[in-house]
Amino acid sequence: MSHGLSLFDYVCSNTDKFALLFAFECLAGVLSIALFFWTEPGTATHVISLLNAVGAGALGAVTGVVLLKCYRT
């Protein structure tokens, strides 16, 4: 019988780092959305800010689910 930590135990032992990562992802998402509305439609900056917002949202969702799962156990 193994007494080592599982991957989930290791992740949950570092929730403070994941909370900081989640905060940065939220900040990046908000800044990307602001840049999306501030730039001219049809420009490369407009498209890149949209892609950044979608990417930050996806990463934030995954990190948020991991944090929620850790706090509920």
PDB file of N, CA and C in Angstrom:
ATOM      1  N   MET A   1       0.845  -1.175   0.000  1.00  0.00           N
ATOM      2  CA  MET A   1       0.000   0.000   0.000  1.00  0.00           C
ATOM      3  C   MET A   1       0.887   1.235   0.000  1.00  0.00           C
ATOM      4  N   SER A   2       0.637   2.120  -0.923  1.00  0.00           N
ATOM      5  CA  SER A   2       1.440   3.323  -1.084  1.00  0.00           C
ATOM      6  C   SER A   2       0.939   4.438  -0.168  1.00  0.00           C
ATOM      7  N   HIS A   3       1.873   5.139   0.459  1.00  0.00           N
ATOM      8  CA  HIS A   3       1.517   6.259   1.320  1.00  0.00           C
ATOM      9  C   HIS A   3       1.885   7.593   0.685  1.00  0.00           C
ATOM     10  N   GLY A   4       2.275   7.571  -0.595  1.00  0.00           N
ATOM     11  CA  GLY A   4       2.646   8.802  -1.292  1.00  0.00           C
ATOM     12  C   GLY A   4       1.420   9.626  -1.644  1.00  0.00           C
ATOM     13  N   LEU A   5       1.662  10.873  -1.896  1.00  0.00           N
ATOM     14  CA  LEU A   5       0.578  11.772  -2.290  1.00  0.00           C
ATOM     15  C   LEU A   5       0.188  11.533  -3.740  1.00  0.00           C
ATOM     16  N   SER A   6      -1.091  11.595  -3.992  1.00  0.00           N
ATOM     17  CA  SER A   6      -1.561  11.496  -5.369  1.00  0.00           C
ATOM     18  C   SER A   6      -1.403  12.862  -6.034  1.00  0.00           C
ATOM     19  N   LEU A   7      -1.626  12.912  -7.323  1.00  0.00           N
ATOM     20  CA  LEU A   7      -1.529  14.175  -8.047  1.00  0.00           C
ATOM     21  C   LEU A   7      -2.551  15.178  -7.518  1.00  0.00           C
ATOM     22  N   PHE A   8      -3.761  14.723  -7.228  1.00  0.00           N
ATOM     23  CA  PHE A   8      -4.797  15.603  -6.700  1.00  0.00           C
ATOM     24  C   PHE A   8      -4.409  16.145  -5.327  1.00  0.00           C
ATOM     25  N   ASP A   9      -3.816  15.314  -4.479  1.00  0.00           N
ATOM     26  CA  ASP A   9      -3.358  15.786  -3.171  1.00  0.00           C
ATOM     27  C   ASP A   9      -2.257  16.826  -3.315  1.00  0.00           C
ATOM     28  N   TYR A  10      -1.364  16.609  -4.259  1.00  0.00           N
ATOM     29  CA  TYR A  10      -0.297  17.572  -4.490  1.00  0.00           C
ATOM     30  C   TYR A  10      -0.846  18.895  -4.997  1.00  0.00           C
ATOM     31  N   VAL A  11      -1.809  18.839  -5.918  1.00  0.00           N
ATOM     32  CA  VAL A  11      -2.421  20.061  -6.444  1.00  0.00           C
ATOM     33  C   VAL A  11      -3.147  20.804  -5.329  1.00  0.00           C
ATOM     34  N   CYS A  12      -3.889  20.089  -4.518  1.00  0.00           N
ATOM     35  CA  CYS A  12      -4.650  20.733  -3.449  1.00  0.00           C
ATOM     36  C   CYS A  12      -3.757  21.256  -2.329  1.00  0.00           C
ATOM     37  N   SER A  13      -2.561  20.738  -2.200  1.00  0.00           N
ATOM     38  CA  SER A  13      -1.644  21.278  -1.192  1.00  0.00           C
ATOM     39  C   SER A  13      -1.039  22.598  -1.659  1.00  0.00           C
ATOM     40  N   ASN A  14      -1.229  22.952  -2.922  1.00  0.00           N
ATOM     41  CA  ASN A  14      -0.720  24.205  -3.480  1.00  0.00           C
ATOM     42  C   ASN A  14      -1.857  25.124  -3.926  1.00  0.00           C
ATOM     43  N   THR A  15      -2.946  25.150  -3.184  1.00  0.00           N
ATOM     44  CA  THR A  15      -4.094  25.958  -3.599  1.00  0.00           C
ATOM     45  C   THR A  15      -3.793  27.454  -3.574  1.00  0.00           C
ATOM     46  N   ASP A  16      -2.864  27.884  -2.722  1.00  0.00           N
ATOM     47  CA  ASP A  16      -2.539  29.313  -2.710  1.00  0.00           C
ATOM     48  C   ASP A  16      -1.924  29.746  -4.031  1.00  0.00           C
ATOM     49  N   LYS A  17      -1.104  28.897  -4.611  1.00  0.00           N
ATOM     50  CA  LYS A  17      -0.497  29.216  -5.912  1.00  0.00           C
ATOM     51  C   LYS A  17      -1.544  29.177  -7.022  1.00  0.00           C
ATOM     52  N   PHE A  18      -2.472  28.238  -6.941  1.00  0.00           N
ATOM     53  CA  PHE A  18      -3.531  28.159  -7.940  1.00  0.00           C
ATOM     54  C   PHE A  18      -4.503  29.327  -7.814  1.00  0.00           C
ATOM     55  N   ALA A  19      -4.731  29.809  -6.598  1.00  0.00           N
ATOM     56  CA  ALA A  19      -5.583  30.983  -6.417  1.00  0.00           C
ATOM     57  C   ALA A  19      -4.935  32.217  -7.030  1.00  0.00           C
ATOM     58  N   LEU A  20      -3.627  32.351  -6.888  1.00  0.00           N
ATOM     59  CA  LEU A  20      -2.911  33.456  -7.508  1.00  0.00           C
ATOM     60  C   LEU A  20      -2.953  33.351  -9.032  1.00  0.00           C
ATOM     61  N   LEU A  21      -2.786  32.143  -9.546  1.00  0.00           N
ATOM     62  CA  LEU A  21      -2.891  31.914 -10.983  1.00  0.00           C
ATOM     63  C   LEU A  21      -4.284  32.281 -11.489  1.00  0.00           C
ATOM     64  N   PHE A  22      -5.304  31.912 -10.738  1.00  0.00           N
ATOM     65  CA  PHE A  22      -6.679  32.235 -11.105  1.00  0.00           C
ATOM     66  C   PHE A  22      -6.900  33.748 -11.138  1.00  0.00           C
ATOM     67  N   ALA A  23      -6.327  34.455 -10.173  1.00  0.00           N
ATOM     68  CA  ALA A  23      -6.458  35.913 -10.141  1.00  0.00           C
ATOM     69  C   ALA A  23      -5.794  36.552 -11.362  1.00  0.00           C
ATOM     70  N   PHE A  24      -4.613  36.062 -11.745  1.00  0.00           N
ATOM     71  CA  PHE A  24      -3.941  36.592 -12.932  1.00  0.00           C
ATOM     72  C   PHE A  24      -4.725  36.275 -14.205  1.00  0.00           C
ATOM     73  N   GLU A  25      -5.327  35.099 -14.264  1.00  0.00           N
ATOM     74  CA  GLU A  25      -6.136  34.749 -15.433  1.00  0.00           C
ATOM     75  C   GLU A  25      -7.362  35.645 -15.533  1.00  0.00           C
ATOM     76  N   CYS A  26      -7.978  35.952 -14.405  1.00  0.00           N
ATOM     77  CA  CYS A  26      -9.126  36.867 -14.416  1.00  0.00           C
ATOM     78  C   CYS A  26      -8.702  38.265 -14.845  1.00  0.00           C
ATOM     79  N   LEU A  27      -7.560  38.728 -14.349  1.00  0.00           N
ATOM     80  CA  LEU A  27      -7.057  40.036 -14.742  1.00  0.00           C
ATOM     81  C   LEU A  27      -6.763  40.079 -16.235  1.00  0.00           C
ATOM     82  N   ALA A  28      -6.133  39.041 -16.751  1.00  0.00           N
ATOM     83  CA  ALA A  28      -5.836  38.984 -18.182  1.00  0.00           C
ATOM     84  C   ALA A  28      -7.122  38.961 -19.006  1.00  0.00           C
ATOM     85  N   GLY A  29      -8.130  38.254 -18.540  1.00  0.00           N
ATOM     86  CA  GLY A  29      -9.408  38.219 -19.246  1.00  0.00           C
ATOM     87  C   GLY A  29     -10.094  39.572 -19.274  1.00  0.00           C
ATOM     88  N   VAL A  30     -10.081  40.262 -18.144  1.00  0.00           N
ATOM     89  CA  VAL A  30     -10.707  41.582 -18.074  1.00  0.00           C
ATOM     90  C   VAL A  30      -9.973  42.579 -18.966  1.00  0.00           C
ATOM     91  N   LEU A  31      -8.646  42.554 -18.923  1.00  0.00           N
ATOM     92  CA  LEU A  31      -7.874  43.462 -19.772  1.00  0.00           C
ATOM     93  C   LEU A  31      -8.071  43.155 -21.252  1.00  0.00           C
ATOM     94  N   SER A  32      -8.179  41.888 -21.602  1.00  0.00           N
ATOM     95  CA  SER A  32      -8.410  41.511 -22.997  1.00  0.00           C
ATOM     96  C   SER A  32      -9.789  41.951 -23.473  1.00  0.00           C
ATOM     97  N   ILE A  33     -10.775  41.831 -22.616  1.00  0.00           N
ATOM     98  CA  ILE A  33     -12.126  42.277 -22.981  1.00  0.00           C
ATOM     99  C   ILE A  33     -12.161  43.792 -23.139  1.00  0.00           C
ATOM    100  N   ALA A  34     -11.473  44.499 -22.246  1.00  0.00           N
ATOM    101  CA  ALA A  34     -11.414  45.963 -22.366  1.00  0.00           C
ATOM    102  C   ALA A  34     -10.721  46.364 -23.666  1.00  0.00           C
ATOM    103  N   LEU A  35      -9.637  45.676 -24.003  1.00  0.00           N
ATOM    104  CA  LEU A  35      -8.934  45.970 -25.242  1.00  0.00           C
ATOM    105  C   LEU A  35      -9.792  45.632 -26.457  1.00  0.00           C
ATOM    106  N   PHE A  36     -10.600  44.585 -26.349  1.00  0.00           N
ATOM    107  CA  PHE A  36     -11.496  44.206 -27.443  1.00  0.00           C
ATOM    108  C   PHE A  36     -12.484  45.325 -27.743  1.00  0.00           C
ATOM    109  N   PHE A  37     -13.058  45.914 -26.711  1.00  0.00           N
ATOM    110  CA  PHE A  37     -14.034  46.972 -26.930  1.00  0.00           C
ATOM    111  C   PHE A  37     -13.388  48.308 -27.271  1.00  0.00           C
ATOM    112  N   TRP A  38     -12.107  48.473 -26.976  1.00  0.00           N
ATOM    113  CA  TRP A  38     -11.416  49.728 -27.209  1.00  0.00           C
ATOM    114  C   TRP A  38     -10.836  49.835 -28.620  1.00  0.00           C
ATOM    115  N   THR A  39     -10.553  48.691 -29.264  1.00  0.00           N
ATOM    116  CA  THR A  39      -9.916  48.706 -30.575  1.00  0.00           C
ATOM    117  C   THR A  39     -10.949  48.724 -31.700  1.00  0.00           C
ATOM    118  N   GLU A  40     -10.474  49.077 -32.879  1.00  0.00           N
ATOM    119  CA  GLU A  40     -11.322  49.132 -34.065  1.00  0.00           C
ATOM    120  C   GLU A  40     -11.657  47.719 -34.549  1.00  0.00           C
ATOM    121  N   PRO A  41     -12.908  47.458 -34.887  1.00  0.00           N
ATOM    122  CA  PRO A  41     -13.259  46.156 -35.448  1.00  0.00           C
ATOM    123  C   PRO A  41     -12.549  45.916 -36.784  1.00  0.00           C
ATOM    124  N   GLY A  42     -12.181  44.686 -37.013  1.00  0.00           N
ATOM    125  CA  GLY A  42     -11.525  44.316 -38.254  1.00  0.00           C
ATOM    126  C   GLY A  42     -10.010  44.413 -38.223  1.00  0.00           C
ATOM    127  N   THR A  43      -9.446  44.862 -37.112  1.00  0.00           N
ATOM    128  CA  THR A  43      -7.988  44.948 -37.022  1.00  0.00           C
ATOM    129  C   THR A  43      -7.439  43.687 -36.367  1.00  0.00           C
ATOM    130  N   ALA A  44      -6.145  43.503 -36.531  1.00  0.00           N
ATOM    131  CA  ALA A  44      -5.497  42.339 -35.931  1.00  0.00           C
ATOM    132  C   ALA A  44      -5.540  42.407 -34.408  1.00  0.00           C
ATOM    133  N   THR A  45      -5.414  43.587 -33.858  1.00  0.00           N
ATOM    134  CA  THR A  45      -5.470  43.755 -32.403  1.00  0.00           C
ATOM    135  C   THR A  45      -6.831  43.352 -31.862  1.00  0.00           C
ATOM    136  N   HIS A  46      -7.858  43.652 -32.589  1.00  0.00           N
ATOM    137  CA  HIS A  46      -9.222  43.295 -32.187  1.00  0.00           C
ATOM    138  C   HIS A  46      -9.384  41.775 -32.124  1.00  0.00           C
ATOM    139  N   VAL A  47      -8.881  41.103 -33.134  1.00  0.00           N
ATOM    140  CA  VAL A  47      -8.995  39.639 -33.192  1.00  0.00           C
ATOM    141  C   VAL A  47      -8.141  38.993 -32.104  1.00  0.00           C
ATOM    142  N   ILE A  48      -6.924  39.486 -31.926  1.00  0.00           N
ATOM    143  CA  ILE A  48      -6.033  38.911 -30.922  1.00  0.00           C
ATOM    144  C   ILE A  48      -6.576  39.120 -29.513  1.00  0.00           C
ATOM    145  N   SER A  49      -7.173  40.279 -29.256  1.00  0.00           N
ATOM    146  CA  SER A  49      -7.750  40.509 -27.930  1.00  0.00           C
ATOM    147  C   SER A  49      -8.932  39.575 -27.676  1.00  0.00           C
ATOM    148  N   LEU A  50      -9.708  39.286 -28.719  1.00  0.00           N
ATOM    149  CA  LEU A  50     -10.796  38.321 -28.576  1.00  0.00           C
ATOM    150  C   LEU A  50     -10.249  36.927 -28.274  1.00  0.00           C
ATOM    151  N   LEU A  51      -9.214  36.516 -28.994  1.00  0.00           N
ATOM    152  CA  LEU A  51      -8.615  35.205 -28.744  1.00  0.00           C
ATOM    153  C   LEU A  51      -7.992  35.129 -27.356  1.00  0.00           C
ATOM    154  N   ASN A  52      -7.373  36.215 -26.921  1.00  0.00           N
ATOM    155  CA  ASN A  52      -6.806  36.254 -25.567  1.00  0.00           C
ATOM    156  C   ASN A  52      -7.897  36.132 -24.511  1.00  0.00           C
ATOM    157  N   ALA A  53      -9.010  36.803 -24.714  1.00  0.00           N
ATOM    158  CA  ALA A  53     -10.110  36.731 -23.754  1.00  0.00           C
ATOM    159  C   ALA A  53     -10.685  35.314 -23.687  1.00  0.00           C
ATOM    160  N   VAL A  54     -10.839  34.677 -24.838  1.00  0.00           N
ATOM    161  CA  VAL A  54     -11.355  33.304 -24.864  1.00  0.00           C
ATOM    162  C   VAL A  54     -10.368  32.348 -24.187  1.00  0.00           C
ATOM    163  N   GLY A  55      -9.080  32.513 -24.484  1.00  0.00           N
ATOM    164  CA  GLY A  55      -8.065  31.654 -23.862  1.00  0.00           C
ATOM    165  C   GLY A  55      -7.977  31.849 -22.360  1.00  0.00           C
ATOM    166  N   ALA A  56      -8.007  33.096 -21.909  1.00  0.00           N
ATOM    167  CA  ALA A  56      -7.961  33.358 -20.469  1.00  0.00           C
ATOM    168  C   ALA A  56      -9.212  32.826 -19.782  1.00  0.00           C
ATOM    169  N   GLY A  57     -10.342  32.917 -20.468  1.00  0.00           N
ATOM    170  CA  GLY A  57     -11.577  32.364 -19.906  1.00  0.00           C
ATOM    171  C   GLY A  57     -11.533  30.852 -19.769  1.00  0.00           C
ATOM    172  N   ALA A  58     -10.977  30.191 -20.773  1.00  0.00           N
ATOM    173  CA  ALA A  58     -10.875  28.724 -20.717  1.00  0.00           C
ATOM    174  C   ALA A  58      -9.912  28.287 -19.615  1.00  0.00           C
ATOM    175  N   LEU A  59      -8.758  28.939 -19.552  1.00  0.00           N
ATOM    176  CA  LEU A  59      -7.801  28.595 -18.488  1.00  0.00           C
ATOM    177  C   LEU A  59      -8.359  28.931 -17.111  1.00  0.00           C
ATOM    178  N   GLY A  60      -9.051  30.060 -17.014  1.00  0.00           N
ATOM    179  CA  GLY A  60      -9.657  30.435 -15.744  1.00  0.00           C
ATOM    180  C   GLY A  60     -10.741  29.462 -15.315  1.00  0.00           C
ATOM    181  N   ALA A  61     -11.500  28.960 -16.268  1.00  0.00           N
ATOM    182  CA  ALA A  61     -12.549  27.986 -15.939  1.00  0.00           C
ATOM    183  C   ALA A  61     -11.954  26.687 -15.401  1.00  0.00           C
ATOM    184  N   VAL A  62     -10.891  26.220 -16.034  1.00  0.00           N
ATOM    185  CA  VAL A  62     -10.245  24.983 -15.571  1.00  0.00           C
ATOM    186  C   VAL A  62      -9.630  25.191 -14.188  1.00  0.00           C
ATOM    187  N   THR A  63      -8.942  26.303 -14.002  1.00  0.00           N
ATOM    188  CA  THR A  63      -8.335  26.575 -12.706  1.00  0.00           C
ATOM    189  C   THR A  63      -9.405  26.754 -11.632  1.00  0.00           C
ATOM    190  N   GLY A  64     -10.500  27.413 -11.980  1.00  0.00           N
ATOM    191  CA  GLY A  64     -11.596  27.590 -11.033  1.00  0.00           C
ATOM    192  C   GLY A  64     -12.226  26.267 -10.616  1.00  0.00           C
ATOM    193  N   VAL A  65     -12.371  25.355 -11.555  1.00  0.00           N
ATOM    194  CA  VAL A  65     -12.935  24.037 -11.225  1.00  0.00           C
ATOM    195  C   VAL A  65     -11.991  23.271 -10.306  1.00  0.00           C
ATOM    196  N   VAL A  66     -10.698  23.349 -10.574  1.00  0.00           N
ATOM    197  CA  VAL A  66      -9.721  22.675  -9.712  1.00  0.00           C
ATOM    198  C   VAL A  66      -9.774  23.258  -8.302  1.00  0.00           C
ATOM    199  N   LEU A  67      -9.813  24.576  -8.188  1.00  0.00           N
ATOM    200  CA  LEU A  67      -9.887  25.214  -6.864  1.00  0.00           C
ATOM    201  C   LEU A  67     -11.176  24.845  -6.146  1.00  0.00           C
ATOM    202  N   LEU A  68     -12.274  24.856  -6.864  1.00  0.00           N
ATOM    203  CA  LEU A  68     -13.549  24.496  -6.252  1.00  0.00           C
ATOM    204  C   LEU A  68     -13.529  23.057  -5.750  1.00  0.00           C
ATOM    205  N   LYS A  69     -12.972  22.172  -6.546  1.00  0.00           N
ATOM    206  CA  LYS A  69     -12.893  20.754  -6.140  1.00  0.00           C
ATOM    207  C   LYS A  69     -12.009  20.586  -4.914  1.00  0.00           C
ATOM    208  N   CYS A  70     -10.911  21.354  -4.860  1.00  0.00           N
ATOM    209  CA  CYS A  70     -10.016  21.265  -3.698  1.00  0.00           C
ATOM    210  C   CYS A  70     -10.672  21.802  -2.442  1.00  0.00           C
ATOM    211  N   TYR A  71     -11.412  22.899  -2.557  1.00  0.00           N
ATOM    212  CA  TYR A  71     -12.043  23.488  -1.380  1.00  0.00           C
ATOM    213  C   TYR A  71     -13.226  22.665  -0.889  1.00  0.00           C
ATOM    214  N   ARG A  72     -13.835  21.893  -1.764  1.00  0.00           N
ATOM    215  CA  ARG A  72     -14.980  21.067  -1.338  1.00  0.00           C
ATOM    216  C   ARG A  72     -14.567  19.749  -0.713  1.00  0.00           C
ATOM    217  N   THR A  73     -13.306  19.347  -0.897  1.00  0.00           N
ATOM    218  CA  THR A  73     -12.874  18.068  -0.292  1.00  0.00           C
ATOM    219  C   THR A  73     -12.145  18.297   0.992  1.00  0.00           C
TER     220      THR A  73
END
